Amino acid sequence: MASERLIICNTSPLINLAETGHLEVLMELRGTVCIVPSVAIELRAKSRLFPKAAQVVDSGQFRLLGPEDALLVRSFSATLHQGESECLALAMEQQGSLLILDDLSARAAATANGLAFTGTLGILAAAKARGKIDALAPVLKELRDRARFWISPQLEMMLLKEAGEIR
């Protein structure tokens, strides 16, 4: 029997989804959602800014799992933050994983290594398409207001058009 797919989530998507009250859309993905040790540390360190996200670490909702290959983590750390490096290394060790990343450099590294990924906006757009979110526009406003998320006006317009919320 094949093991369940790992969904490896980096810090910023967890902050974005937790602080806007949309963490459940992550939990609805098929697979086991996990966080790496550096992400847990970062979430706790940011507890004053993002209290809901910090609670995720001890909630029992996510599996804490770190990569085994320290050398692989170190090779990613030359250009990425520790959490992103651990996420990428774990995804390389666990074939068929899905990475949840927002950082452009981390996404480029995932692409270069043939790793599947999406981000906060992809998760939310998919949730809207499945009818789990009524409208994206208010969620995007919440992301800006509560999670300090930046999205270009062009990308926002594209998402809202694809979601059928504007013409």
C-alpha atoms as a PDB file:
ATOM      1  CA  MET A   1       0.000   0.000   0.000  1.00  0.00           C
ATOM      2  CA  ALA A   2       1.401   3.399  -0.986  1.00  0.00           C
ATOM      3  CA  SER A   3       1.943   5.972   1.722  1.00  0.00           C
ATOM      4  CA  GLU A   4      -0.152   9.134   1.740  1.00  0.00           C
ATOM      5  CA  ARG A   5       1.260  12.155  -0.087  1.00  0.00           C
ATOM      6  CA  LEU A   6       2.997  14.754   2.049  1.00  0.00           C
ATOM      7  CA  ILE A   7       1.907  18.370   1.784  1.00  0.00           C
ATOM      8  CA  ILE A   8       4.873  20.397   3.016  1.00  0.00           C
ATOM      9  CA  CYS A   9       3.945  23.931   4.004  1.00  0.00           C
ATOM     10  CA  ASN A  10       6.357  26.807   4.466  1.00  0.00           C
ATOM     11  CA  THR A  11       5.868  29.662   6.928  1.00  0.00           C
ATOM     12  CA  SER A  12       4.205  32.404   4.865  1.00  0.00           C
ATOM     13  CA  PRO A  13       1.314  30.308   3.506  1.00  0.00           C
ATOM     14  CA  LEU A  14       0.587  29.099   7.043  1.00  0.00           C
ATOM     15  CA  ILE A  15       0.591  32.682   8.319  1.00  0.00           C
ATOM     16  CA  ASN A  16      -1.602  33.818   5.437  1.00  0.00           C
ATOM     17  CA  LEU A  17      -4.189  31.072   5.844  1.00  0.00           C
ATOM     18  CA  ALA A  18      -4.232  31.044   9.657  1.00  0.00           C
ATOM     19  CA  GLU A  19      -4.463  34.800  10.130  1.00  0.00           C
ATOM     20  CA  THR A  20      -7.343  35.093   7.656  1.00  0.00           C
ATOM     21  CA  GLY A  21      -9.255  32.145   9.116  1.00  0.00           C
ATOM     22  CA  HIS A  22      -8.836  29.941   6.056  1.00  0.00           C
ATOM     23  CA  LEU A  23      -6.559  27.227   7.400  1.00  0.00           C
ATOM     24  CA  GLU A  24      -9.267  24.655   6.724  1.00  0.00           C
ATOM     25  CA  VAL A  25      -8.672  24.880   2.948  1.00  0.00           C
ATOM     26  CA  LEU A  26      -5.161  23.566   3.542  1.00  0.00           C
ATOM     27  CA  MET A  27      -6.507  20.750   5.687  1.00  0.00           C
ATOM     28  CA  GLU A  28      -8.910  19.734   2.902  1.00  0.00           C
ATOM     29  CA  LEU A  29      -6.075  18.871   0.511  1.00  0.00           C
ATOM     30  CA  ARG A  30      -5.491  15.183  -0.039  1.00  0.00           C
ATOM     31  CA  GLY A  31      -2.480  14.141   1.987  1.00  0.00           C
ATOM     32  CA  THR A  32      -0.754  14.659   5.284  1.00  0.00           C
ATOM     33  CA  VAL A  33       0.060  18.307   5.941  1.00  0.00           C
ATOM     34  CA  CYS A  34       3.401  18.735   7.646  1.00  0.00           C
ATOM     35  CA  ILE A  35       5.758  21.466   8.731  1.00  0.00           C
ATOM     36  CA  VAL A  36       9.518  21.277   9.093  1.00  0.00           C
ATOM     37  CA  PRO A  37      11.315  22.233  12.332  1.00  0.00           C
ATOM     38  CA  SER A  38      12.508  25.625  11.062  1.00  0.00           C
ATOM     39  CA  VAL A  39       8.970  26.603  10.116  1.00  0.00           C
ATOM     40  CA  ALA A  40       7.755  25.690  13.608  1.00  0.00           C
ATOM     41  CA  ILE A  41      10.520  27.816  15.132  1.00  0.00           C
ATOM     42  CA  GLU A  42       9.731  30.760  12.842  1.00  0.00           C
ATOM     43  CA  LEU A  43       5.997  30.602  13.580  1.00  0.00           C
ATOM     44  CA  ARG A  44       6.678  30.666  17.319  1.00  0.00           C
ATOM     45  CA  ALA A  45       9.126  33.551  16.901  1.00  0.00           C
ATOM     46  CA  LYS A  46       6.461  35.581  15.081  1.00  0.00           C
ATOM     47  CA  SER A  47       3.731  34.890  17.635  1.00  0.00           C
ATOM     48  CA  ARG A  48       3.278  38.557  18.573  1.00  0.00           C
ATOM     49  CA  LEU A  49       2.678  39.571  14.967  1.00  0.00           C
ATOM     50  CA  PHE A  50       0.743  36.464  13.929  1.00  0.00           C
ATOM     51  CA  PRO A  51      -0.806  34.800  16.991  1.00  0.00           C
ATOM     52  CA  LYS A  52      -3.188  32.515  15.080  1.00  0.00           C
ATOM     53  CA  ALA A  53      -0.344  31.159  12.952  1.00  0.00           C
ATOM     54  CA  ALA A  54       1.811  30.514  16.020  1.00  0.00           C
ATOM     55  CA  GLN A  55      -0.960  28.373  17.503  1.00  0.00           C
ATOM     56  CA  VAL A  56      -0.701  26.048  14.498  1.00  0.00           C
ATOM     57  CA  VAL A  57       2.554  24.587  15.804  1.00  0.00           C
ATOM     58  CA  ASP A  58       1.043  23.091  18.942  1.00  0.00           C
ATOM     59  CA  SER A  59      -2.459  22.445  17.573  1.00  0.00           C
ATOM     60  CA  GLY A  60      -1.789  18.865  16.537  1.00  0.00           C
ATOM     61  CA  GLN A  61      -3.229  19.595  13.082  1.00  0.00           C
ATOM     62  CA  PHE A  62       0.112  19.194  11.350  1.00  0.00           C
ATOM     63  CA  ARG A  63       2.814  16.586  11.439  1.00  0.00           C
ATOM     64  CA  LEU A  64       6.270  17.898  12.370  1.00  0.00           C
ATOM     65  CA  LEU A  65       8.802  16.273  10.052  1.00  0.00           C
ATOM     66  CA  GLY A  66      12.318  17.272   9.121  1.00  0.00           C
ATOM     67  CA  PRO A  67      14.531  16.229   6.229  1.00  0.00           C
ATOM     68  CA  GLU A  68      17.247  13.673   6.913  1.00  0.00           C
ATOM     69  CA  ASP A  69      19.897  15.000   4.499  1.00  0.00           C
ATOM     70  CA  ALA A  70      21.610  17.931   6.256  1.00  0.00           C
ATOM     71  CA  LEU A  71      23.946  18.427   3.292  1.00  0.00           C
ATOM     72  CA  LEU A  72      20.971  18.891   0.964  1.00  0.00           C
ATOM     73  CA  VAL A  73      19.457  21.440   3.357  1.00  0.00           C
ATOM     74  CA  ARG A  74      22.770  23.290   3.490  1.00  0.00           C
ATOM     75  CA  SER A  75      23.009  23.391  -0.316  1.00  0.00           C
ATOM     76  CA  PHE A  76      19.603  25.093  -0.527  1.00  0.00           C
ATOM     77  CA  SER A  77      20.522  27.419   2.345  1.00  0.00           C
ATOM     78  CA  ALA A  78      23.132  29.109   0.170  1.00  0.00           C
ATOM     79  CA  THR A  79      20.298  31.011  -1.550  1.00  0.00           C
ATOM     80  CA  LEU A  80      17.180  30.397   0.563  1.00  0.00           C
ATOM     81  CA  HIS A  81      16.024  30.797   4.153  1.00  0.00           C
ATOM     82  CA  GLN A  82      16.297  27.807   6.469  1.00  0.00           C
ATOM     83  CA  GLY A  83      12.572  26.968   6.426  1.00  0.00           C
ATOM     84  CA  GLU A  84      12.405  26.991   2.642  1.00  0.00           C
ATOM     85  CA  SER A  85      15.601  24.931   2.476  1.00  0.00           C
ATOM     86  CA  GLU A  86      14.199  22.295   4.817  1.00  0.00           C
ATOM     87  CA  CYS A  87      10.894  22.207   2.926  1.00  0.00           C
ATOM     88  CA  LEU A  88      12.637  21.674  -0.405  1.00  0.00           C
ATOM     89  CA  ALA A  89      14.996  19.041   0.976  1.00  0.00           C
ATOM     90  CA  LEU A  90      12.107  17.131   2.542  1.00  0.00           C
ATOM     91  CA  ALA A  91      10.170  17.259  -0.737  1.00  0.00           C
ATOM     92  CA  MET A  92      13.186  15.834  -2.556  1.00  0.00           C
ATOM     93  CA  GLU A  93      13.387  13.011  -0.015  1.00  0.00           C
ATOM     94  CA  GLN A  94       9.639  12.316  -0.157  1.00  0.00           C
ATOM     95  CA  GLN A  95       8.731  11.674  -3.791  1.00  0.00           C
ATOM     96  CA  GLY A  96       5.278  12.885  -4.824  1.00  0.00           C
ATOM     97  CA  SER A  97       5.080  15.599  -2.170  1.00  0.00           C
ATOM     98  CA  LEU A  98       3.355  18.920  -2.738  1.00  0.00           C
ATOM     99  CA  LEU A  99       5.143  22.048  -1.542  1.00  0.00           C
ATOM    100  CA  ILE A 100       3.178  25.093  -0.400  1.00  0.00           C
ATOM    101  CA  LEU A 101       5.493  28.064  -1.013  1.00  0.00           C
ATOM    102  CA  ASP A 102       5.031  31.768  -1.703  1.00  0.00           C
ATOM    103  CA  ASP A 103       8.668  32.898  -1.998  1.00  0.00           C
ATOM    104  CA  LEU A 104       9.715  33.338  -5.640  1.00  0.00           C
ATOM    105  CA  SER A 105      13.272  32.067  -5.087  1.00  0.00           C
ATOM    106  CA  ALA A 106      11.968  28.940  -3.347  1.00  0.00           C
ATOM    107  CA  ARG A 107       9.504  28.368  -6.175  1.00  0.00           C
ATOM    108  CA  ALA A 108      12.319  28.708  -8.708  1.00  0.00           C
ATOM    109  CA  ALA A 109      14.348  26.124  -6.774  1.00  0.00           C
ATOM    110  CA  ALA A 110      11.326  23.810  -6.691  1.00  0.00           C
ATOM    111  CA  THR A 111      10.897  24.169 -10.451  1.00  0.00           C
ATOM    112  CA  ALA A 112      14.612  23.547 -11.068  1.00  0.00           C
ATOM    113  CA  ASN A 113      14.370  20.332  -9.055  1.00  0.00           C
ATOM    114  CA  GLY A 114      11.130  19.095 -10.606  1.00  0.00           C
ATOM    115  CA  LEU A 115       9.107  19.484  -7.409  1.00  0.00           C
ATOM    116  CA  ALA A 116       5.357  20.126  -7.407  1.00  0.00           C
ATOM    117  CA  PHE A 117       4.253  23.300  -5.643  1.00  0.00           C
ATOM    118  CA  THR A 118       1.518  25.846  -5.204  1.00  0.00           C
ATOM    119  CA  GLY A 119       1.125  28.854  -2.928  1.00  0.00           C
ATOM    120  CA  THR A 120      -1.388  30.744  -0.848  1.00  0.00           C
ATOM    121  CA  LEU A 121      -3.196  32.132  -3.884  1.00  0.00           C
ATOM    122  CA  GLY A 122      -3.292  28.754  -5.627  1.00  0.00           C
ATOM    123  CA  ILE A 123      -4.748  27.123  -2.527  1.00  0.00           C
ATOM    124  CA  LEU A 124      -7.401  29.849  -2.227  1.00  0.00           C
ATOM    125  CA  ALA A 125      -8.272  29.812  -5.950  1.00  0.00           C
ATOM    126  CA  ALA A 126      -8.722  26.029  -5.815  1.00  0.00           C
ATOM    127  CA  ALA A 127     -10.908  26.384  -2.720  1.00  0.00           C
ATOM    128  CA  LYS A 128     -13.061  28.941  -4.555  1.00  0.00           C
ATOM    129  CA  ALA A 129     -13.358  26.590  -7.544  1.00  0.00           C
ATOM    130  CA  ARG A 130     -14.509  23.780  -5.198  1.00  0.00           C
ATOM    131  CA  GLY A 131     -17.088  26.073  -3.590  1.00  0.00           C
ATOM    132  CA  LYS A 132     -15.288  26.184  -0.224  1.00  0.00           C
ATOM    133  CA  ILE A 133     -14.884  29.980  -0.434  1.00  0.00           C
ATOM    134  CA  ASP A 134     -17.739  32.147  -1.680  1.00  0.00           C
ATOM    135  CA  ALA A 135     -15.593  34.983  -3.049  1.00  0.00           C
ATOM    136  CA  LEU A 136     -11.877  35.640  -3.447  1.00  0.00           C
ATOM    137  CA  ALA A 137     -11.982  39.459  -3.353  1.00  0.00           C
ATOM    138  CA  PRO A 138     -12.721  39.744   0.392  1.00  0.00           C
ATOM    139  CA  VAL A 139     -10.150  37.043   1.160  1.00  0.00           C
ATOM    140  CA  LEU A 140      -7.492  38.980  -0.754  1.00  0.00           C
ATOM    141  CA  LYS A 141      -8.365  42.068   1.288  1.00  0.00           C
ATOM    142  CA  GLU A 142      -8.039  40.026   4.497  1.00  0.00           C
ATOM    143  CA  LEU A 143      -4.639  38.784   3.335  1.00  0.00           C
ATOM    144  CA  ARG A 144      -3.438  42.363   2.907  1.00  0.00           C
ATOM    145  CA  ASP A 145      -4.963  43.621   6.150  1.00  0.00           C
ATOM    146  CA  ARG A 146      -4.298  40.727   8.538  1.00  0.00           C
ATOM    147  CA  ALA A 147      -1.326  38.849   7.129  1.00  0.00           C
ATOM    148  CA  ARG A 148       0.563  41.717   5.492  1.00  0.00           C
ATOM    149  CA  PHE A 149       0.419  39.886   2.157  1.00  0.00           C
ATOM    150  CA  TRP A 150       1.376  41.766  -0.990  1.00  0.00           C
ATOM    151  CA  ILE A 151      -0.174  40.972  -4.341  1.00  0.00           C
ATOM    152  CA  SER A 152       0.310  42.967  -7.522  1.00  0.00           C
ATOM    153  CA  PRO A 153      -2.808  44.610  -8.940  1.00  0.00           C
ATOM    154  CA  GLN A 154      -2.284  42.671 -12.185  1.00  0.00           C
ATOM    155  CA  LEU A 155      -2.195  39.299 -10.416  1.00  0.00           C
ATOM    156  CA  GLU A 156      -5.213  40.205  -8.311  1.00  0.00           C
ATOM    157  CA  MET A 157      -7.191  41.149 -11.425  1.00  0.00           C
ATOM    158  CA  MET A 158      -6.153  37.926 -13.154  1.00  0.00           C
ATOM    159  CA  LEU A 159      -7.235  35.809 -10.157  1.00  0.00           C
ATOM    160  CA  LEU A 160     -10.553  37.576  -9.833  1.00  0.00           C
ATOM    161  CA  LYS A 161     -11.244  37.184 -13.566  1.00  0.00           C
ATOM    162  CA  GLU A 162     -10.379  33.473 -13.458  1.00  0.00           C
ATOM    163  CA  ALA A 163     -12.654  33.090 -10.439  1.00  0.00           C
ATOM    164  CA  GLY A 164     -15.488  34.780 -12.349  1.00  0.00           C
ATOM    165  CA  GLU A 165     -15.711  37.679  -9.912  1.00  0.00           C
ATOM    166  CA  ILE A 166     -14.944  40.396 -12.473  1.00  0.00           C
ATOM    167  CA  ARG A 167     -14.977  40.677 -16.250  1.00  0.00           C
END
